């Protein structure tokens, strides 16, 4: 039982490290938008929305992975990331990313890696 708990904490730790790396990659890709957001004027509003919606497939994959990893960690909310995905890619592609994470994580086994030992 102790080995199972250790595995669970190791996997959660790996998930947190993956979340940090994915967030850093997204912040790096969205740095021009963040800088424009810090100095927002009414004339920059349309430019900011155009810049946010012009991100490519790489950021889409990063967001898909981020939503999936955040769902894999118990008790971690991903609502802010899901709203951000909808803002960046529009409602339909955002919806596909958010529901696509269920398809993505369906290939990951839902059973624990180490089988529970049964008592004789």
Foldseek 3Di string as FASTA:
>chain_A
DVVLVVVLVVLLVVLVVLLVVLVVVVCVVCVVLVVCVVVDDPVCPVVSLVVLQPDDPVNLVSLLVNLLSQVVRPPRDCVVSLVSLCSRHNPPVSVCSNVVSVVVCVVPDPDRPDDDDDDD
